[in-house]
């Protein structure tokens, strides 16, 4: 099932809850760099994703490319799958939270 741009946009607005500035600051942190799968490339997939998300957030909706729409869809899918795996207890300083934040979602941020 292929989602249309309106569906992707709606999910993106709901799930990617970090501002570009907050995400940029986060990506510079050691915690951000400490999580995720690097596939031997030095930078994790999630960390790279965070940089792409910042770029997308700085792009007007009307100017988004097909590649960016596809990445937005991939991002929201990742966030939804990851949220379903929430660990028990305090999540404040967990790799689970840090991974989500690399993908633009802070589970501690309200609404």
PDB file of N, CA and C in Angstrom:
ATOM      1  N   UNK A   1       0.842  -1.191   0.000  1.00  0.00           N
ATOM      2  CA  UNK A   1       0.000   0.000   0.000  1.00  0.00           C
ATOM      3  C   UNK A   1       0.882   1.248   0.000  1.00  0.00           C
ATOM      4  N   UNK A   2       0.674   2.075  -0.953  1.00  0.00           N
ATOM      5  CA  UNK A   2       1.451   3.304  -1.060  1.00  0.00           C
ATOM      6  C   UNK A   2       0.683   4.450  -0.415  1.00  0.00           C
ATOM      7  N   UNK A   3       1.375   5.210   0.397  1.00  0.00           N
ATOM      8  CA  UNK A   3       0.748   6.365   1.039  1.00  0.00           C
ATOM      9  C   UNK A   3       0.869   7.569   0.123  1.00  0.00           C
ATOM     10  N   UNK A   4      -0.147   8.435   0.173  1.00  0.00           N
ATOM     11  CA  UNK A   4      -0.037   9.673  -0.593  1.00  0.00           C
ATOM     12  C   UNK A   4       0.692  10.726   0.250  1.00  0.00           C
ATOM     13  N   UNK A   5       1.021  11.817  -0.387  1.00  0.00           N
ATOM     14  CA  UNK A   5       1.802  12.854   0.291  1.00  0.00           C
ATOM     15  C   UNK A   5       1.082  13.407   1.516  1.00  0.00           C
ATOM     16  N   UNK A   6      -0.244  13.516   1.453  1.00  0.00           N
ATOM     17  CA  UNK A   6      -0.986  14.035   2.602  1.00  0.00           C
ATOM     18  C   UNK A   6      -0.837  13.125   3.819  1.00  0.00           C
ATOM     19  N   UNK A   7      -0.898  11.811   3.607  1.00  0.00           N
ATOM     20  CA  UNK A   7      -0.738  10.853   4.709  1.00  0.00           C
ATOM     21  C   UNK A   7       0.675  10.930   5.288  1.00  0.00           C
ATOM     22  N   UNK A   8       1.671  10.957   4.393  1.00  0.00           N
ATOM     23  CA  UNK A   8       3.070  11.031   4.840  1.00  0.00           C
ATOM     24  C   UNK A   8       3.286  12.319   5.632  1.00  0.00           C
ATOM     25  N   UNK A   9       2.771  13.432   5.114  1.00  0.00           N
ATOM     26  CA  UNK A   9       2.943  14.737   5.765  1.00  0.00           C
ATOM     27  C   UNK A   9       2.312  14.728   7.155  1.00  0.00           C
ATOM     28  N   UNK A  10       1.123  14.181   7.264  1.00  0.00           N
ATOM     29  CA  UNK A  10       0.406  14.137   8.535  1.00  0.00           C
ATOM     30  C   UNK A  10       1.196  13.324   9.574  1.00  0.00           C
ATOM     31  N   UNK A  11       1.673  12.150   9.184  1.00  0.00           N
ATOM     32  CA  UNK A  11       2.467  11.318  10.094  1.00  0.00           C
ATOM     33  C   UNK A  11       3.771  12.017  10.473  1.00  0.00           C
ATOM     34  N   UNK A  12       4.405  12.633   9.493  1.00  0.00           N
ATOM     35  CA  UNK A  12       5.670  13.353   9.710  1.00  0.00           C
ATOM     36  C   UNK A  12       5.471  14.459  10.742  1.00  0.00           C
ATOM     37  N   UNK A  13       4.405  15.249  10.566  1.00  0.00           N
ATOM     38  CA  UNK A  13       4.134  16.365  11.484  1.00  0.00           C
ATOM     39  C   UNK A  13       3.893  15.851  12.903  1.00  0.00           C
ATOM     40  N   UNK A  14       3.254  14.701  13.018  1.00  0.00           N
ATOM     41  CA  UNK A  14       2.933  14.131  14.323  1.00  0.00           C
ATOM     42  C   UNK A  14       4.151  13.483  14.985  1.00  0.00           C
ATOM     43  N   UNK A  15       4.951  12.748  14.219  1.00  0.00           N
ATOM     44  CA  UNK A  15       6.006  11.910  14.793  1.00  0.00           C
ATOM     45  C   UNK A  15       7.380  12.565  14.864  1.00  0.00           C
ATOM     46  N   UNK A  16       7.716  13.413  13.911  1.00  0.00           N
ATOM     47  CA  UNK A  16       9.030  14.075  13.932  1.00  0.00           C
ATOM     48  C   UNK A  16       8.851  15.356  14.749  1.00  0.00           C
ATOM     49  N   UNK A  17       9.041  15.208  16.078  1.00  0.00           N
ATOM     50  CA  UNK A  17       8.666  16.289  16.995  1.00  0.00           C
ATOM     51  C   UNK A  17       9.831  17.153  17.473  1.00  0.00           C
ATOM     52  N   UNK A  18      11.004  16.963  16.885  1.00  0.00           N
ATOM     53  CA  UNK A  18      12.151  17.797  17.256  1.00  0.00           C
ATOM     54  C   UNK A  18      12.350  18.881  16.193  1.00  0.00           C
ATOM     55  N   UNK A  19      12.647  20.098  16.640  1.00  0.00           N
ATOM     56  CA  UNK A  19      12.911  21.186  15.702  1.00  0.00           C
ATOM     57  C   UNK A  19      14.280  20.953  15.056  1.00  0.00           C
ATOM     58  N   UNK A  20      14.517  21.563  13.902  1.00  0.00           N
ATOM     59  CA  UNK A  20      15.845  21.431  13.292  1.00  0.00           C
ATOM     60  C   UNK A  20      16.967  21.862  14.243  1.00  0.00           C
ATOM     61  N   UNK A  21      16.758  22.938  14.995  1.00  0.00           N
ATOM     62  CA  UNK A  21      17.801  23.425  15.919  1.00  0.00           C
ATOM     63  C   UNK A  21      18.070  22.400  17.021  1.00  0.00           C
ATOM     64  N   UNK A  22      17.017  21.839  17.611  1.00  0.00           N
ATOM     65  CA  UNK A  22      17.189  20.832  18.667  1.00  0.00           C
ATOM     66  C   UNK A  22      17.871  19.590  18.113  1.00  0.00           C
ATOM     67  N   UNK A  23      17.469  19.183  16.910  1.00  0.00           N
ATOM     68  CA  UNK A  23      18.056  17.999  16.298  1.00  0.00           C
ATOM     69  C   UNK A  23      19.530  18.235  15.967  1.00  0.00           C
ATOM     70  N   UNK A  24      19.861  19.415  15.457  1.00  0.00           N
ATOM     71  CA  UNK A  24      21.267  19.735  15.163  1.00  0.00           C
ATOM     72  C   UNK A  24      22.120  19.663  16.427  1.00  0.00           C
ATOM     73  N   UNK A  25      21.626  20.247  17.517  1.00  0.00           N
ATOM     74  CA  UNK A  25      22.339  20.211  18.794  1.00  0.00           C
ATOM     75  C   UNK A  25      22.488  18.765  19.263  1.00  0.00           C
ATOM     76  N   UNK A  26      21.414  18.001  19.177  1.00  0.00           N
ATOM     77  CA  UNK A  26      21.429  16.599  19.607  1.00  0.00           C
ATOM     78  C   UNK A  26      22.471  15.798  18.822  1.00  0.00           C
ATOM     79  N   UNK A  27      22.507  15.972  17.506  1.00  0.00           N
ATOM     80  CA  UNK A  27      23.409  15.183  16.662  1.00  0.00           C
ATOM     81  C   UNK A  27      24.889  15.433  16.976  1.00  0.00           C
ATOM     82  N   UNK A  28      25.185  16.567  17.617  1.00  0.00           N
ATOM     83  CA  UNK A  28      26.567  16.872  18.003  1.00  0.00           C
ATOM     84  C   UNK A  28      26.961  16.184  19.306  1.00  0.00           C
ATOM     85  N   UNK A  29      25.987  15.614  20.025  1.00  0.00           N
ATOM     86  CA  UNK A  29      26.260  15.034  21.340  1.00  0.00           C
ATOM     87  C   UNK A  29      26.894  13.648  21.224  1.00  0.00           C
ATOM     88  N   UNK A  30      27.638  13.300  22.262  1.00  0.00           N
ATOM     89  CA  UNK A  30      28.241  11.958  22.307  1.00  0.00           C
ATOM     90  C   UNK A  30      27.161  10.879  22.373  1.00  0.00           C
ATOM     91  N   UNK A  31      26.052  11.164  23.085  1.00  0.00           N
ATOM     92  CA  UNK A  31      24.960  10.196  23.187  1.00  0.00           C
ATOM     93  C   UNK A  31      24.395   9.866  21.811  1.00  0.00           C
ATOM     94  N   UNK A  32      24.236  10.879  20.999  1.00  0.00           N
ATOM     95  CA  UNK A  32      23.714  10.673  19.650  1.00  0.00           C
ATOM     96  C   UNK A  32      24.642   9.779  18.835  1.00  0.00           C
ATOM     97  N   UNK A  33      25.935  10.033  18.970  1.00  0.00           N
ATOM     98  CA  UNK A  33      26.923   9.281  18.187  1.00  0.00           C
ATOM     99  C   UNK A  33      27.166   7.878  18.732  1.00  0.00           C
ATOM    100  N   UNK A  34      26.667   7.613  19.958  1.00  0.00           N
ATOM    101  CA  UNK A  34      26.965   6.339  20.621  1.00  0.00           C
ATOM    102  C   UNK A  34      25.994   5.214  20.243  1.00  0.00           C
ATOM    103  N   UNK A  35      24.914   5.530  19.557  1.00  0.00           N
ATOM    104  CA  UNK A  35      23.892   4.514  19.267  1.00  0.00           C
ATOM    105  C   UNK A  35      23.743   4.294  17.768  1.00  0.00           C
ATOM    106  N   UNK A  36      23.202   3.133  17.433  1.00  0.00           N
ATOM    107  CA  UNK A  36      22.875   2.847  16.045  1.00  0.00           C
ATOM    108  C   UNK A  36      23.892   1.961  15.361  1.00  0.00           C
ATOM    109  N   UNK A  37      23.484   1.471  14.225  1.00  0.00           N
ATOM    110  CA  UNK A  37      24.285   0.556  13.423  1.00  0.00           C
ATOM    111  C   UNK A  37      25.069   1.349  12.391  1.00  0.00           C
ATOM    112  N   UNK A  38      26.392   1.178  12.391  1.00  0.00           N
ATOM    113  CA  UNK A  38      27.222   1.972  11.480  1.00  0.00           C
ATOM    114  C   UNK A  38      27.505   1.264  10.159  1.00  0.00           C
ATOM    115  N   UNK A  39      27.251  -0.020  10.063  1.00  0.00           N
ATOM    116  CA  UNK A  39      27.579  -0.791   8.848  1.00  0.00           C
ATOM    117  C   UNK A  39      29.033  -0.551   8.444  1.00  0.00           C
ATOM    118  N   UNK A  40      29.900  -0.331   9.437  1.00  0.00           N
ATOM    119  CA  UNK A  40      31.316  -0.141   9.168  1.00  0.00           C
ATOM    120  C   UNK A  40      31.682   1.193   8.557  1.00  0.00           C
ATOM    121  N   UNK A  41      30.740   2.140   8.546  1.00  0.00           N
ATOM    122  CA  UNK A  41      30.982   3.423   7.878  1.00  0.00           C
ATOM    123  C   UNK A  41      31.338   4.552   8.836  1.00  0.00           C
ATOM    124  N   UNK A  42      31.392   4.285  10.131  1.00  0.00           N
ATOM    125  CA  UNK A  42      31.726   5.340  11.079  1.00  0.00           C
ATOM    126  C   UNK A  42      30.521   6.092  11.611  1.00  0.00           C
ATOM    127  N   UNK A  43      29.615   6.518  10.749  1.00  0.00           N
ATOM    128  CA  UNK A  43      28.416   7.235  11.173  1.00  0.00           C
ATOM    129  C   UNK A  43      27.223   6.294  11.087  1.00  0.00           C
ATOM    130  N   UNK A  44      26.395   6.271  12.139  1.00  0.00           N
ATOM    131  CA  UNK A  44      25.253   5.356  12.142  1.00  0.00           C
ATOM    132  C   UNK A  44      24.177   5.788  11.156  1.00  0.00           C
ATOM    133  N   UNK A  45      23.353   4.834  10.783  1.00  0.00           N
ATOM    134  CA  UNK A  45      22.232   5.089   9.877  1.00  0.00           C
ATOM    135  C   UNK A  45      21.322   6.169  10.459  1.00  0.00           C
ATOM    136  N   UNK A  46      21.037   6.066  11.765  1.00  0.00           N
ATOM    137  CA  UNK A  46      20.160   7.047  12.411  1.00  0.00           C
ATOM    138  C   UNK A  46      20.760   8.443  12.429  1.00  0.00           C
ATOM    139  N   UNK A  47      22.074   8.514  12.647  1.00  0.00           N
ATOM    140  CA  UNK A  47      22.748   9.818  12.671  1.00  0.00           C
ATOM    141  C   UNK A  47      22.663  10.467  11.294  1.00  0.00           C
ATOM    142  N   UNK A  48      22.909   9.692  10.247  1.00  0.00           N
ATOM    143  CA  UNK A  48      22.772  10.208   8.878  1.00  0.00           C
ATOM    144  C   UNK A  48      21.331  10.656   8.628  1.00  0.00           C
ATOM    145  N   UNK A  49      20.393   9.849   9.125  1.00  0.00           N
ATOM    146  CA  UNK A  49      18.986  10.181   8.966  1.00  0.00           C
ATOM    147  C   UNK A  49      18.675  11.523   9.607  1.00  0.00           C
ATOM    148  N   UNK A  50      19.228  11.763  10.782  1.00  0.00           N
ATOM    149  CA  UNK A  50      18.997  13.037  11.450  1.00  0.00           C
ATOM    150  C   UNK A  50      19.423  14.216  10.597  1.00  0.00           C
ATOM    151  N   UNK A  51      20.563  14.078   9.924  1.00  0.00           N
ATOM    152  CA  UNK A  51      21.019  15.166   9.049  1.00  0.00           C
ATOM    153  C   UNK A  51      20.061  15.351   7.874  1.00  0.00           C
ATOM    154  N   UNK A  52      19.544  14.255   7.324  1.00  0.00           N
ATOM    155  CA  UNK A  52      18.564  14.346   6.235  1.00  0.00           C
ATOM    156  C   UNK A  52      17.266  14.979   6.711  1.00  0.00           C
ATOM    157  N   UNK A  53      16.852  14.648   7.933  1.00  0.00           N
ATOM    158  CA  UNK A  53      15.617  15.197   8.487  1.00  0.00           C
ATOM    159  C   UNK A  53      15.727  16.715   8.642  1.00  0.00           C
ATOM    160  N   UNK A  54      16.879  17.200   9.106  1.00  0.00           N
ATOM    161  CA  UNK A  54      17.092  18.648   9.224  1.00  0.00           C
ATOM    162  C   UNK A  54      16.931  19.301   7.853  1.00  0.00           C
ATOM    163  N   UNK A  55      17.548  18.708   6.851  1.00  0.00           N
ATOM    164  CA  UNK A  55      17.453  19.243   5.482  1.00  0.00           C
ATOM    165  C   UNK A  55      15.989  19.281   5.022  1.00  0.00           C
ATOM    166  N   UNK A  56      15.254  18.213   5.276  1.00  0.00           N
ATOM    167  CA  UNK A  56      13.843  18.153   4.879  1.00  0.00           C
ATOM    168  C   UNK A  56      13.030  19.205   5.632  1.00  0.00           C
ATOM    169  N   UNK A  57      13.289  19.356   6.921  1.00  0.00           N
ATOM    170  CA  UNK A  57      12.540  20.343   7.719  1.00  0.00           C
ATOM    171  C   UNK A  57      12.810  21.776   7.249  1.00  0.00           C
ATOM    172  N   UNK A  58      13.931  21.995   6.587  1.00  0.00           N
ATOM    173  CA  UNK A  58      14.247  23.328   6.050  1.00  0.00           C
ATOM    174  C   UNK A  58      13.711  23.505   4.624  1.00  0.00           C
ATOM    175  N   UNK A  59      13.005  22.510   4.116  1.00  0.00           N
ATOM    176  CA  UNK A  59      12.470  22.561   2.748  1.00  0.00           C
ATOM    177  C   UNK A  59      10.971  22.818   2.806  1.00  0.00           C
ATOM    178  N   UNK A  60      10.485  23.709   1.958  1.00  0.00           N
ATOM    179  CA  UNK A  60       9.037  23.953   1.882  1.00  0.00           C
ATOM    180  C   UNK A  60       8.344  22.697   1.362  1.00  0.00           C
ATOM    181  N   UNK A  61       7.148  22.437   1.869  1.00  0.00           N
ATOM    182  CA  UNK A  61       6.397  21.242   1.477  1.00  0.00           C
ATOM    183  C   UNK A  61       6.286  21.138  -0.046  1.00  0.00           C
ATOM    184  N   UNK A  62       5.993  22.249  -0.697  1.00  0.00           N
ATOM    185  CA  UNK A  62       5.812  22.250  -2.157  1.00  0.00           C
ATOM    186  C   UNK A  62       7.106  21.939  -2.909  1.00  0.00           C
ATOM    187  N   UNK A  63       8.253  22.111  -2.248  1.00  0.00           N
ATOM    188  CA  UNK A  63       9.554  21.912  -2.898  1.00  0.00           C
ATOM    189  C   UNK A  63      10.185  20.553  -2.593  1.00  0.00           C
ATOM    190  N   UNK A  64       9.500  19.715  -1.816  1.00  0.00           N
ATOM    191  CA  UNK A  64      10.057  18.406  -1.475  1.00  0.00           C
ATOM    192  C   UNK A  64      10.181  17.519  -2.711  1.00  0.00           C
ATOM    193  N   UNK A  65      11.298  16.799  -2.792  1.00  0.00           N
ATOM    194  CA  UNK A  65      11.530  15.895  -3.921  1.00  0.00           C
ATOM    195  C   UNK A  65      10.911  14.524  -3.618  1.00  0.00           C
ATOM    196  N   UNK A  66      10.788  13.700  -4.637  1.00  0.00           N
ATOM    197  CA  UNK A  66      10.279  12.341  -4.438  1.00  0.00           C
ATOM    198  C   UNK A  66      11.166  11.582  -3.451  1.00  0.00           C
ATOM    199  N   UNK A  67      12.475  11.790  -3.538  1.00  0.00           N
ATOM    200  CA  UNK A  67      13.418  11.146  -2.636  1.00  0.00           C
ATOM    201  C   UNK A  67      13.159  11.582  -1.188  1.00  0.00           C
ATOM    202  N   UNK A  68      12.886  12.863  -0.993  1.00  0.00           N
ATOM    203  CA  UNK A  68      12.597  13.363   0.352  1.00  0.00           C
ATOM    204  C   UNK A  68      11.277  12.800   0.881  1.00  0.00           C
ATOM    205  N   UNK A  69      10.266  12.715   0.023  1.00  0.00           N
ATOM    206  CA  UNK A  69       8.993  12.121   0.455  1.00  0.00           C
ATOM    207  C   UNK A  69       9.214  10.667   0.877  1.00  0.00           C
ATOM    208  N   UNK A  70      10.006   9.946   0.109  1.00  0.00           N
ATOM    209  CA  UNK A  70      10.289   8.541   0.435  1.00  0.00           C
ATOM    210  C   UNK A  70      11.025   8.453   1.775  1.00  0.00           C
ATOM    211  N   UNK A  71      11.959   9.372   2.006  1.00  0.00           N
ATOM    212  CA  UNK A  71      12.700   9.353   3.271  1.00  0.00           C
ATOM    213  C   UNK A  71      11.781   9.691   4.443  1.00  0.00           C
ATOM    214  N   UNK A  72      10.873  10.633   4.246  1.00  0.00           N
ATOM    215  CA  UNK A  72       9.910  10.984   5.288  1.00  0.00           C
ATOM    216  C   UNK A  72       9.068   9.760   5.645  1.00  0.00           C
ATOM    217  N   UNK A  73       8.638   9.007   4.644  1.00  0.00           N
ATOM    218  CA  UNK A  73       7.840   7.803   4.867  1.00  0.00           C
ATOM    219  C   UNK A  73       8.656   6.751   5.619  1.00  0.00           C
ATOM    220  N   UNK A  74       9.916   6.591   5.227  1.00  0.00           N
ATOM    221  CA  UNK A  74      10.803   5.640   5.910  1.00  0.00           C
ATOM    222  C   UNK A  74      10.997   6.052   7.370  1.00  0.00           C
ATOM    223  N   UNK A  75      11.183   7.345   7.597  1.00  0.00           N
ATOM    224  CA  UNK A  75      11.400   7.880   8.941  1.00  0.00           C
ATOM    225  C   UNK A  75      10.208   7.602   9.851  1.00  0.00           C
ATOM    226  N   UNK A  76       9.009   7.896   9.376  1.00  0.00           N
ATOM    227  CA  UNK A  76       7.828   7.681  10.224  1.00  0.00           C
ATOM    228  C   UNK A  76       7.611   6.192  10.476  1.00  0.00           C
ATOM    229  N   UNK A  77       7.919   5.356   9.513  1.00  0.00           N
ATOM    230  CA  UNK A  77       7.815   3.915   9.708  1.00  0.00           C
ATOM    231  C   UNK A  77       8.779   3.441  10.776  1.00  0.00           C
ATOM    232  N   UNK A  78      10.009   3.939  10.731  1.00  0.00           N
ATOM    233  CA  UNK A  78      11.012   3.582  11.739  1.00  0.00           C
ATOM    234  C   UNK A  78      10.530   4.022  13.122  1.00  0.00           C
ATOM    235  N   UNK A  79      10.083   5.262  13.232  1.00  0.00           N
ATOM    236  CA  UNK A  79       9.648   5.782  14.532  1.00  0.00           C
ATOM    237  C   UNK A  79       8.507   4.936  15.088  1.00  0.00           C
ATOM    238  N   UNK A  80       7.524   4.608  14.261  1.00  0.00           N
ATOM    239  CA  UNK A  80       6.383   3.806  14.739  1.00  0.00           C
ATOM    240  C   UNK A  80       6.835   2.419  15.211  1.00  0.00           C
ATOM    241  N   UNK A  81       7.710   1.765  14.445  1.00  0.00           N
ATOM    242  CA  UNK A  81       8.208   0.441  14.847  1.00  0.00           C
ATOM    243  C   UNK A  81       8.988   0.539  16.157  1.00  0.00           C
ATOM    244  N   UNK A  82       9.818   1.560  16.258  1.00  0.00           N
ATOM    245  CA  UNK A  82      10.659   1.726  17.442  1.00  0.00           C
ATOM    246  C   UNK A  82       9.817   2.051  18.685  1.00  0.00           C
ATOM    247  N   UNK A  83       8.796   2.881  18.536  1.00  0.00           N
ATOM    248  CA  UNK A  83       7.924   3.226  19.658  1.00  0.00           C
ATOM    249  C   UNK A  83       7.229   1.984  20.211  1.00  0.00           C
ATOM    250  N   UNK A  84       6.923   1.037  19.344  1.00  0.00           N
ATOM    251  CA  UNK A  84       6.255  -0.195  19.768  1.00  0.00           C
ATOM    252  C   UNK A  84       7.168  -1.067  20.636  1.00  0.00           C
ATOM    253  N   UNK A  85       8.466  -0.785  20.634  1.00  0.00           N
ATOM    254  CA  UNK A  85       9.439  -1.568  21.403  1.00  0.00           C
ATOM    255  C   UNK A  85       9.871  -0.843  22.686  1.00  0.00           C
ATOM    256  N   UNK A  86       9.052   0.084  23.145  1.00  0.00           N
ATOM    257  CA  UNK A  86       9.403   0.894  24.321  1.00  0.00           C
ATOM    258  C   UNK A  86       9.769   0.008  25.519  1.00  0.00           C
ATOM    259  N   UNK A  87      10.938   0.258  26.113  1.00  0.00           N
ATOM    260  CA  UNK A  87      11.323  -0.533  27.292  1.00  0.00           C
ATOM    261  C   UNK A  87      10.534  -0.080  28.528  1.00  0.00           C
ATOM    262  N   UNK A  88      10.508  -0.933  29.520  1.00  0.00           N
ATOM    263  CA  UNK A  88       9.845  -0.590  30.778  1.00  0.00           C
ATOM    264  C   UNK A  88      10.750   0.341  31.585  1.00  0.00           C
ATOM    265  N   UNK A  89      10.125   1.123  32.454  1.00  0.00           N
ATOM    266  CA  UNK A  89      10.893   1.970  33.355  1.00  0.00           C
ATOM    267  C   UNK A  89      11.249   3.322  32.757  1.00  0.00           C
ATOM    268  N   UNK A  90      12.197   3.975  33.380  1.00  0.00           N
ATOM    269  CA  UNK A  90      12.643   5.312  32.984  1.00  0.00           C
ATOM    270  C   UNK A  90      13.408   5.216  31.659  1.00  0.00           C
ATOM    271  N   UNK A  91      12.943   5.967  30.676  1.00  0.00           N
ATOM    272  CA  UNK A  91      13.579   5.913  29.351  1.00  0.00           C
ATOM    273  C   UNK A  91      14.515   7.094  29.098  1.00  0.00           C
ATOM    274  N   UNK A  92      14.665   7.965  30.117  1.00  0.00           N
ATOM    275  CA  UNK A  92      15.416   9.211  29.939  1.00  0.00           C
ATOM    276  C   UNK A  92      16.793   9.070  29.323  1.00  0.00           C
ATOM    277  N   UNK A  93      17.567   8.127  29.819  1.00  0.00           N
ATOM    278  CA  UNK A  93      18.948   7.980  29.335  1.00  0.00           C
ATOM    279  C   UNK A  93      19.156   6.581  28.773  1.00  0.00           C
ATOM    280  N   UNK A  94      18.334   6.219  27.790  1.00  0.00           N
ATOM    281  CA  UNK A  94      18.425   4.882  27.198  1.00  0.00           C
ATOM    282  C   UNK A  94      18.823   4.971  25.728  1.00  0.00           C
ATOM    283  N   UNK A  95      19.494   3.930  25.267  1.00  0.00           N
ATOM    284  CA  UNK A  95      19.824   3.854  23.842  1.00  0.00           C
ATOM    285  C   UNK A  95      18.555   3.903  22.999  1.00  0.00           C
ATOM    286  N   UNK A  96      17.461   3.345  23.516  1.00  0.00           N
ATOM    287  CA  UNK A  96      16.178   3.354  22.804  1.00  0.00           C
ATOM    288  C   UNK A  96      15.754   4.794  22.502  1.00  0.00           C
ATOM    289  N   UNK A  97      15.785   5.637  23.522  1.00  0.00           N
ATOM    290  CA  UNK A  97      15.416   7.044  23.326  1.00  0.00           C
ATOM    291  C   UNK A  97      16.418   7.739  22.402  1.00  0.00           C
ATOM    292  N   UNK A  98      17.707   7.491  22.620  1.00  0.00           N
ATOM    293  CA  UNK A  98      18.725   8.153  21.814  1.00  0.00           C
ATOM    294  C   UNK A  98      18.576   7.800  20.331  1.00  0.00           C
ATOM    295  N   UNK A  99      18.252   6.543  20.044  1.00  0.00           N
ATOM    296  CA  UNK A  99      18.048   6.131  18.653  1.00  0.00           C
ATOM    297  C   UNK A  99      16.870   6.874  18.040  1.00  0.00           C
ATOM    298  N   UNK A 100      15.776   6.955  18.793  1.00  0.00           N
ATOM    299  CA  UNK A 100      14.610   7.689  18.292  1.00  0.00           C
ATOM    300  C   UNK A 100      14.938   9.159  18.036  1.00  0.00           C
ATOM    301  N   UNK A 101      15.709   9.739  18.927  1.00  0.00           N
ATOM    302  CA  UNK A 101      16.055  11.155  18.764  1.00  0.00           C
ATOM    303  C   UNK A 101      16.907  11.374  17.509  1.00  0.00           C
ATOM    304  N   UNK A 102      17.753  10.418  17.170  1.00  0.00           N
ATOM    305  CA  UNK A 102      18.515  10.535  15.924  1.00  0.00           C
ATOM    306  C   UNK A 102      17.584  10.599  14.716  1.00  0.00           C
ATOM    307  N   UNK A 103      16.393  10.005  14.868  1.00  0.00           N
ATOM    308  CA  UNK A 103      15.396  10.007  13.784  1.00  0.00           C
ATOM    309  C   UNK A 103      14.368  11.122  13.978  1.00  0.00           C
ATOM    310  N   UNK A 104      14.682  12.088  14.861  1.00  0.00           N
ATOM    311  CA  UNK A 104      13.847  13.282  14.982  1.00  0.00           C
ATOM    312  C   UNK A 104      12.679  13.181  15.942  1.00  0.00           C
ATOM    313  N   UNK A 105      12.620  12.117  16.743  1.00  0.00           N
ATOM    314  CA  UNK A 105      11.512  11.952  17.689  1.00  0.00           C
ATOM    315  C   UNK A 105      12.035  11.815  19.104  1.00  0.00           C
ATOM    316  N   UNK A 106      11.626  12.748  19.973  1.00  0.00           N
ATOM    317  CA  UNK A 106      11.964  12.628  21.386  1.00  0.00           C
ATOM    318  C   UNK A 106      10.730  12.138  22.127  1.00  0.00           C
ATOM    319  N   UNK A 107      10.761  10.874  22.615  1.00  0.00           N
ATOM    320  CA  UNK A 107       9.590  10.324  23.283  1.00  0.00           C
ATOM    321  C   UNK A 107       9.250  11.016  24.605  1.00  0.00           C
ATOM    322  N   UNK A 108      10.143  11.839  25.138  1.00  0.00           N
ATOM    323  CA  UNK A 108       9.854  12.567  26.365  1.00  0.00           C
ATOM    324  C   UNK A 108       9.179  13.920  26.093  1.00  0.00           C
ATOM    325  N   UNK A 109       9.141  14.331  24.841  1.00  0.00           N
ATOM    326  CA  UNK A 109       8.534  15.615  24.490  1.00  0.00           C
ATOM    327  C   UNK A 109       7.014  15.455  24.450  1.00  0.00           C
ATOM    328  N   UNK A 110       6.338  16.297  25.164  1.00  0.00           N
ATOM    329  CA  UNK A 110       4.875  16.208  25.215  1.00  0.00           C
ATOM    330  C   UNK A 110       4.237  16.721  23.927  1.00  0.00           C
ATOM    331  N   UNK A 111       3.152  16.050  23.549  1.00  0.00           N
ATOM    332  CA  UNK A 111       2.303  16.472  22.440  1.00  0.00           C
ATOM    333  C   UNK A 111       3.010  16.801  21.194  1.00  0.00           C
TER     334      UNK A 111
END
